[in-house]
PDB file of N, CA and C in Angstrom:
ATOM      1  N   MET A   1     -86.617 144.552 196.468  1.00  0.00           N
ATOM      2  CA  MET A   1     -87.379 144.565 195.234  1.00  0.00           C
ATOM      3  C   MET A   1     -88.669 143.798 195.419  1.00  0.00           C
ATOM      4  N   LYS A   2     -89.662 144.193 194.650  1.00  0.00           N
ATOM      5  CA  LYS A   2     -90.957 143.520 194.644  1.00  0.00           C
ATOM      6  C   LYS A   2     -91.386 143.306 193.198  1.00  0.00           C
ATOM      7  N   VAL A   3     -92.395 142.430 193.023  1.00  0.00           N
ATOM      8  CA  VAL A   3     -92.921 142.117 191.702  1.00  0.00           C
ATOM      9  C   VAL A   3     -94.444 142.234 191.734  1.00  0.00           C
ATOM     10  N   LYS A   4     -95.017 142.822 190.702  1.00  0.00           N
ATOM     11  CA  LYS A   4     -96.467 142.887 190.533  1.00  0.00           C
ATOM     12  C   LYS A   4     -96.775 142.326 189.146  1.00  0.00           C
ATOM     13  N   ILE A   5     -97.728 141.384 189.072  1.00  0.00           N
ATOM     14  CA  ILE A   5     -98.074 140.751 187.810  1.00  0.00           C
ATOM     15  C   ILE A   5     -99.525 141.070 187.458  1.00  0.00           C
ATOM     16  N   PHE A   6     -99.739 141.406 186.197  1.00  0.00           N
ATOM     17  CA  PHE A   6    -101.068 141.699 185.668  1.00  0.00           C
ATOM     18  C   PHE A   6    -101.366 140.721 184.549  1.00  0.00           C
ATOM     19  N   ASP A   7    -102.634 140.309 184.441  1.00  0.00           N
ATOM     20  CA  ASP A   7    -103.063 139.372 183.406  1.00  0.00           C
ATOM     21  C   ASP A   7    -104.449 139.788 182.933  1.00  0.00           C
ATOM     22  N   GLU A   8    -104.564 140.128 181.668  1.00  0.00           N
ATOM     23  CA  GLU A   8    -105.838 140.583 181.108  1.00  0.00           C
ATOM     24  C   GLU A   8    -106.076 139.931 179.750  1.00  0.00           C
ATOM     25  N   SER A   9    -107.344 139.882 179.333  1.00  0.00           N
ATOM     26  CA  SER A   9    -107.670 139.291 178.038  1.00  0.00           C
ATOM     27  C   SER A   9    -107.711 140.336 176.915  1.00  0.00           C
ATOM     28  N   HIS A  10    -107.631 141.626 177.267  1.00  0.00           N
ATOM     29  CA  HIS A  10    -107.597 142.700 176.275  1.00  0.00           C
ATOM     30  C   HIS A  10    -106.434 143.633 176.597  1.00  0.00           C
ATOM     31  N   GLU A  11    -105.732 144.059 175.553  1.00  0.00           N
ATOM     32  CA  GLU A  11    -104.549 144.896 175.771  1.00  0.00           C
ATOM     33  C   GLU A  11    -104.888 146.240 176.398  1.00  0.00           C
ATOM     34  N   LYS A  12    -106.039 146.808 176.091  1.00  0.00           N
ATOM     35  CA  LYS A  12    -106.431 148.089 176.691  1.00  0.00           C
ATOM     36  C   LYS A  12    -106.692 147.930 178.194  1.00  0.00           C
ATOM     37  N   ASP A  13    -107.240 146.777 178.608  1.00  0.00           N
ATOM     38  CA  ASP A  13    -107.446 146.521 180.035  1.00  0.00           C
ATOM     39  C   ASP A  13    -106.108 146.410 180.756  1.00  0.00           C
ATOM     40  N   LEU A  14    -105.148 145.743 180.116  1.00  0.00           N
ATOM     41  CA  LEU A  14    -103.807 145.630 180.707  1.00  0.00           C
ATOM     42  C   LEU A  14    -103.169 147.004 180.829  1.00  0.00           C
ATOM     43  N   GLU A  15    -103.291 147.790 179.794  1.00  0.00           N
ATOM     44  CA  GLU A  15    -102.735 149.144 179.812  1.00  0.00           C
ATOM     45  C   GLU A  15    -103.329 149.963 180.959  1.00  0.00           C
ATOM     46  N   ALA A  16    -104.631 149.877 181.147  1.00  0.00           N
ATOM     47  CA  ALA A  16    -105.288 150.620 182.224  1.00  0.00           C
ATOM     48  C   ALA A  16    -104.813 150.142 183.592  1.00  0.00           C
ATOM     49  N   GLN A  17    -104.700 148.837 183.776  1.00  0.00           N
ATOM     50  CA  GLN A  17    -104.252 148.293 185.053  1.00  0.00           C
ATOM     51  C   GLN A  17    -102.815 148.721 185.372  1.00  0.00           C
ATOM     52  N   VAL A  18    -101.940 148.633 184.382  1.00  0.00           N
ATOM     53  CA  VAL A  18    -100.536 149.017 184.596  1.00  0.00           C
ATOM     54  C   VAL A  18    -100.434 150.511 184.879  1.00  0.00           C
ATOM     55  N   ASN A  19    -101.131 151.332 184.097  1.00  0.00           N
ATOM     56  CA  ASN A  19    -101.081 152.782 184.328  1.00  0.00           C
ATOM     57  C   ASN A  19    -101.630 153.155 185.696  1.00  0.00           C
ATOM     58  N   ASN A  20    -102.689 152.490 186.122  1.00  0.00           N
ATOM     59  CA  ASN A  20    -103.250 152.748 187.444  1.00  0.00           C
ATOM     60  C   ASN A  20    -102.242 152.392 188.537  1.00  0.00           C
ATOM     61  N   PHE A  21    -101.598 151.236 188.402  1.00  0.00           N
ATOM     62  CA  PHE A  21    -100.602 150.828 189.387  1.00  0.00           C
ATOM     63  C   PHE A  21     -99.430 151.812 189.423  1.00  0.00           C
ATOM     64  N   LEU A  22     -98.935 152.187 188.252  1.00  0.00           N
ATOM     65  CA  LEU A  22     -97.794 153.102 188.195  1.00  0.00           C
ATOM     66  C   LEU A  22     -98.125 154.478 188.769  1.00  0.00           C
ATOM     67  N   SER A  23     -99.372 154.914 188.636  1.00  0.00           N
ATOM     68  CA  SER A  23     -99.746 156.226 189.158  1.00  0.00           C
ATOM     69  C   SER A  23     -99.767 156.254 190.682  1.00  0.00           C
ATOM     70  N   THR A  24     -99.882 155.084 191.315  1.00  0.00           N
ATOM     71  CA  THR A  24     -99.908 155.025 192.776  1.00  0.00           C
ATOM     72  C   THR A  24     -98.585 154.543 193.371  1.00  0.00           C
ATOM     73  N   LEU A  25     -97.633 154.179 192.523  1.00  0.00           N
ATOM     74  CA  LEU A  25     -96.352 153.638 192.986  1.00  0.00           C
ATOM     75  C   LEU A  25     -95.495 154.744 193.589  1.00  0.00           C
ATOM     76  N   SER A  26     -95.027 154.507 194.810  1.00  0.00           N
ATOM     77  CA  SER A  26     -94.168 155.507 195.455  1.00  0.00           C
ATOM     78  C   SER A  26     -92.688 155.179 195.294  1.00  0.00           C
ATOM     79  N   GLY A  27     -92.380 153.967 194.834  1.00  0.00           N
ATOM     80  CA  GLY A  27     -90.988 153.565 194.640  1.00  0.00           C
ATOM     81  C   GLY A  27     -90.542 153.781 193.212  1.00  0.00           C
ATOM     82  N   ASP A  28     -89.497 153.045 192.837  1.00  0.00           N
ATOM     83  CA  ASP A  28     -88.922 153.153 191.494  1.00  0.00           C
ATOM     84  C   ASP A  28     -89.181 151.885 190.704  1.00  0.00           C
ATOM     85  N   VAL A  29     -89.473 152.054 189.416  1.00  0.00           N
ATOM     86  CA  VAL A  29     -89.625 150.909 188.514  1.00  0.00           C
ATOM     87  C   VAL A  29     -88.241 150.457 188.065  1.00  0.00           C
ATOM     88  N   ILE A  30     -87.967 149.181 188.241  1.00  0.00           N
ATOM     89  CA  ILE A  30     -86.696 148.603 187.789  1.00  0.00           C
ATOM     90  C   ILE A  30     -86.836 148.120 186.351  1.00  0.00           C
ATOM     91  N   ASP A  31     -87.944 147.404 186.066  1.00  0.00           N
ATOM     92  CA  ASP A  31     -88.154 146.848 184.730  1.00  0.00           C
ATOM     93  C   ASP A  31     -89.627 146.495 184.559  1.00  0.00           C
ATOM     94  N   ILE A  32     -90.069 146.469 183.315  1.00  0.00           N
ATOM     95  CA  ILE A  32     -91.410 145.990 182.980  1.00  0.00           C
ATOM     96  C   ILE A  32     -91.262 144.969 181.865  1.00  0.00           C
ATOM     97  N   LYS A  33     -91.793 143.781 182.080  1.00  0.00           N
ATOM     98  CA  LYS A  33     -91.776 142.709 181.080  1.00  0.00           C
ATOM     99  C   LYS A  33     -93.196 142.551 180.543  1.00  0.00           C
ATOM    100  N   PHE A  34     -93.333 142.361 179.244  1.00  0.00           N
ATOM    101  CA  PHE A  34     -94.634 142.231 178.610  1.00  0.00           C
ATOM    102  C   PHE A  34     -94.660 140.961 177.786  1.00  0.00           C
ATOM    103  N   SER A  35     -95.802 140.271 177.796  1.00  0.00           N
ATOM    104  CA  SER A  35     -95.929 139.036 177.034  1.00  0.00           C
ATOM    105  C   SER A  35     -97.350 138.897 176.498  1.00  0.00           C
ATOM    106  N   THR A  36     -97.462 138.274 175.331  1.00  0.00           N
ATOM    107  CA  THR A  36     -98.753 137.978 174.736  1.00  0.00           C
ATOM    108  C   THR A  36     -98.794 136.501 174.378  1.00  0.00           C
ATOM    109  N   ALA A  37     -99.909 135.855 174.707  1.00  0.00           N
ATOM    110  CA  ALA A  37    -100.101 134.446 174.349  1.00  0.00           C
ATOM    111  C   ALA A  37    -101.459 134.303 173.670  1.00  0.00           C
ATOM    112  N   ILE A  38    -101.508 133.418 172.679  1.00  0.00           N
ATOM    113  CA  ILE A  38    -102.748 133.144 171.956  1.00  0.00           C
ATOM    114  C   ILE A  38    -102.961 131.638 171.952  1.00  0.00           C
ATOM    115  N   SER A  39    -104.180 131.229 172.258  1.00  0.00           N
ATOM    116  CA  SER A  39    -104.505 129.806 172.193  1.00  0.00           C
ATOM    117  C   SER A  39    -105.875 129.644 171.542  1.00  0.00           C
ATOM    118  N   MET A  40    -106.160 128.438 171.132  1.00  0.00           N
ATOM    119  CA  MET A  40    -107.445 128.135 170.502  1.00  0.00           C
ATOM    120  C   MET A  40    -108.293 127.309 171.456  1.00  0.00           C
ATOM    121  N   PHE A  41    -109.574 127.657 171.549  1.00  0.00           N
ATOM    122  CA  PHE A  41    -110.547 126.897 172.314  1.00  0.00           C
ATOM    123  C   PHE A  41    -111.736 126.671 171.384  1.00  0.00           C
ATOM    124  N   GLY A  42    -111.771 125.498 170.776  1.00  0.00           N
ATOM    125  CA  GLY A  42    -112.753 125.273 169.728  1.00  0.00           C
ATOM    126  C   GLY A  42    -112.402 126.149 168.539  1.00  0.00           C
ATOM    127  N   GLU A  43    -113.335 126.986 168.120  1.00  0.00           N
ATOM    128  CA  GLU A  43    -113.074 127.922 167.028  1.00  0.00           C
ATOM    129  C   GLU A  43    -112.718 129.322 167.529  1.00  0.00           C
ATOM    130  N   ASP A  44    -112.672 129.495 168.842  1.00  0.00           N
ATOM    131  CA  ASP A  44    -112.376 130.800 169.429  1.00  0.00           C
ATOM    132  C   ASP A  44    -110.888 130.965 169.702  1.00  0.00           C
ATOM    133  N   GLN A  45    -110.376 132.161 169.452  1.00  0.00           N
ATOM    134  CA  GLN A  45    -109.012 132.501 169.827  1.00  0.00           C
ATOM    135  C   GLN A  45    -109.059 133.166 171.190  1.00  0.00           C
ATOM    136  N   ILE A  46    -108.214 132.701 172.095  1.00  0.00           N
ATOM    137  CA  ILE A  46    -108.120 133.256 173.437  1.00  0.00           C
ATOM    138  C   ILE A  46    -106.792 134.013 173.542  1.00  0.00           C
ATOM    139  N   TYR A  47    -106.870 135.289 173.897  1.00  0.00           N
ATOM    140  CA  TYR A  47    -105.675 136.114 174.053  1.00  0.00           C
ATOM    141  C   TYR A  47    -105.379 136.314 175.531  1.00  0.00           C
ATOM    142  N   CYS A  48    -104.114 136.354 175.853  1.00  0.00           N
ATOM    143  CA  CYS A  48    -103.681 136.609 177.220  1.00  0.00           C
ATOM    144  C   CYS A  48    -102.544 137.628 177.166  1.00  0.00           C
ATOM    145  N   PHE A  49    -102.788 138.800 177.714  1.00  0.00           N
ATOM    146  CA  PHE A  49    -101.784 139.867 177.762  1.00  0.00           C
ATOM    147  C   PHE A  49    -101.312 139.987 179.206  1.00  0.00           C
ATOM    148  N   THR A  50    -100.014 139.855 179.420  1.00  0.00           N
ATOM    149  CA  THR A  50     -99.480 139.910 180.779  1.00  0.00           C
ATOM    150  C   THR A  50     -98.341 140.928 180.865  1.00  0.00           C
ATOM    151  N   ALA A  51     -98.202 141.475 182.053  1.00  0.00           N
ATOM    152  CA  ALA A  51     -97.100 142.382 182.340  1.00  0.00           C
ATOM    153  C   ALA A  51     -96.589 142.089 183.743  1.00  0.00           C
ATOM    154  N   MET A  52     -95.287 142.132 183.891  1.00  0.00           N
ATOM    155  CA  MET A  52     -94.664 141.986 185.197  1.00  0.00           C
ATOM    156  C   MET A  52     -93.843 143.241 185.447  1.00  0.00           C
ATOM    157  N   ILE A  53     -94.137 143.883 186.558  1.00  0.00           N
ATOM    158  CA  ILE A  53     -93.409 145.090 186.935  1.00  0.00           C
ATOM    159  C   ILE A  53     -92.507 144.752 188.106  1.00  0.00           C
ATOM    160  N   ILE A  54     -91.231 144.999 187.939  1.00  0.00           N
ATOM    161  CA  ILE A  54     -90.255 144.823 189.021  1.00  0.00           C
ATOM    162  C   ILE A  54     -89.953 146.212 189.558  1.00  0.00           C
ATOM    163  N   TYR A  55     -90.121 146.383 190.859  1.00  0.00           N
ATOM    164  CA  TYR A  55     -90.013 147.731 191.435  1.00  0.00           C
ATOM    165  C   TYR A  55     -89.471 147.685 192.873  1.00  0.00           C
ATOM    166  N   THR A  56     -89.104 148.845 193.352  1.00  0.00           N
ATOM    167  CA  THR A  56     -88.706 148.995 194.757  1.00  0.00           C
ATOM    168  C   THR A  56     -89.783 149.798 195.457  1.00  0.00           C
ATOM    169  N   SER A  57     -89.910 149.560 196.752  1.00  0.00           N
ATOM    170  CA  SER A  57     -90.944 150.304 197.492  1.00  0.00           C
ATOM    171  C   SER A  57     -90.317 151.303 198.432  1.00  0.00           C
TER     172      SER A  57
END
């Protein structure tokens, strides 16, 4: 098994990265984990969208 982790500040960017990876994957996807985190930096909200893909090659 292998793991690939993606981290983006916009959900559409994460979606594009994951879809691109999956389109080139020759193995099988075991699981995909998704997480969202929000933090404050001054008056700005910082978003972090992450995905972890567990797969076989």
